[in-house]
C-alpha atoms as a PDB file:
ATOM      1  CA  MET A   1     -48.625 -66.000  -9.985  1.00  0.00           C
ATOM      2  CA  GLU A   2     -45.646 -64.005  -8.756  1.00  0.00           C
ATOM      3  CA  HIS A   3     -43.236 -62.376 -11.131  1.00  0.00           C
ATOM      4  CA  SER A   4     -39.621 -62.895 -10.250  1.00  0.00           C
ATOM      5  CA  PRO A   5     -36.838 -60.709 -11.637  1.00  0.00           C
ATOM      6  CA  ALA A   6     -35.638 -63.653 -13.745  1.00  0.00           C
ATOM      7  CA  ALA A   7     -39.065 -63.989 -15.351  1.00  0.00           C
ATOM      8  CA  ALA A   8     -39.171 -60.262 -16.087  1.00  0.00           C
ATOM      9  CA  TRP A   9     -35.683 -60.389 -17.585  1.00  0.00           C
ATOM     10  CA  SER A  10     -36.546 -63.355 -19.797  1.00  0.00           C
ATOM     11  CA  ALA A  11     -39.736 -61.626 -20.995  1.00  0.00           C
ATOM     12  CA  GLN A  12     -37.702 -58.551 -21.925  1.00  0.00           C
ATOM     13  CA  ALA A  13     -35.166 -60.746 -23.712  1.00  0.00           C
ATOM     14  CA  VAL A  14     -37.939 -62.341 -25.780  1.00  0.00           C
ATOM     15  CA  VAL A  15     -39.300 -58.923 -26.776  1.00  0.00           C
ATOM     16  CA  ALA A  16     -35.808 -57.710 -27.705  1.00  0.00           C
ATOM     17  CA  ALA A  17     -35.151 -60.839 -29.783  1.00  0.00           C
ATOM     18  CA  GLU A  18     -38.389 -60.341 -31.687  1.00  0.00           C
ATOM     19  CA  GLN A  19     -37.481 -56.732 -32.454  1.00  0.00           C
ATOM     20  CA  GLN A  20     -33.970 -57.617 -33.576  1.00  0.00           C
ATOM     21  CA  GLY A  21     -35.080 -59.768 -36.474  1.00  0.00           C
ATOM     22  CA  ALA A  22     -33.028 -62.434 -38.214  1.00  0.00           C
ATOM     23  CA  GLY A  23     -29.589 -60.843 -37.834  1.00  0.00           C
ATOM     24  CA  ASN A  24     -28.033 -63.639 -35.796  1.00  0.00           C
ATOM     25  CA  LEU A  25     -29.559 -66.321 -37.986  1.00  0.00           C
ATOM     26  CA  LEU A  26     -28.157 -64.698 -41.119  1.00  0.00           C
ATOM     27  CA  ARG A  27     -24.703 -64.457 -39.538  1.00  0.00           C
ATOM     28  CA  VAL A  28     -24.766 -68.154 -38.685  1.00  0.00           C
ATOM     29  CA  VAL A  29     -25.935 -69.071 -42.183  1.00  0.00           C
ATOM     30  CA  LEU A  30     -23.183 -66.981 -43.791  1.00  0.00           C
ATOM     31  CA  VAL A  31     -20.458 -68.457 -41.573  1.00  0.00           C
ATOM     32  CA  VAL A  32     -21.649 -72.008 -42.296  1.00  0.00           C
ATOM     33  CA  MET A  33     -21.735 -71.262 -46.036  1.00  0.00           C
ATOM     34  CA  VAL A  34     -18.186 -69.863 -46.056  1.00  0.00           C
ATOM     35  CA  VAL A  35     -16.761 -72.729 -43.992  1.00  0.00           C
ATOM     36  CA  GLY A  36     -18.647 -75.292 -46.069  1.00  0.00           C
ATOM     37  CA  SER A  37     -17.430 -73.744 -49.313  1.00  0.00           C
ATOM     38  CA  ALA A  38     -13.831 -73.745 -48.110  1.00  0.00           C
ATOM     39  CA  LEU A  39     -14.034 -77.390 -47.022  1.00  0.00           C
ATOM     40  CA  THR A  40     -15.689 -78.406 -50.297  1.00  0.00           C
ATOM     41  CA  ALA A  41     -13.026 -76.599 -52.328  1.00  0.00           C
ATOM     42  CA  TRP A  42     -10.250 -78.223 -50.297  1.00  0.00           C
ATOM     43  CA  PHE A  43     -11.827 -81.680 -50.700  1.00  0.00           C
ATOM     44  CA  LEU A  44     -12.261 -81.306 -54.461  1.00  0.00           C
ATOM     45  CA  LEU A  45      -8.920 -79.651 -55.174  1.00  0.00           C
ATOM     46  CA  ARG A  46      -6.747 -81.967 -53.078  1.00  0.00           C
ATOM     47  CA  GLY A  47      -7.056 -84.614 -55.789  1.00  0.00           C
ATOM     48  CA  TYR A  48      -5.376 -82.310 -58.335  1.00  0.00           C
ATOM     49  CA  ARG A  49      -2.168 -82.023 -56.306  1.00  0.00           C
ATOM     50  CA  GLN A  50       0.879 -83.225 -58.233  1.00  0.00           C
ATOM     51  CA  LYS A  51       3.022 -85.756 -56.498  1.00  0.00           C
ATOM     52  CA  ASP A  52       6.751 -85.211 -56.930  1.00  0.00           C
ATOM     53  CA  ASP A  53       8.388 -88.618 -56.693  1.00  0.00           C
END
């Protein structure tokens, strides 16, 4: 089996991802939590708006 430069690069990327840990996953989880909280707050609080007729 021949090793191409692309295969070597992808193997190095896998090793680097394993060493990095869960940093990217935690960032995604935090962003989803903040956006979800903001949307939930907007959805719940929009019913309390006073209508000036």
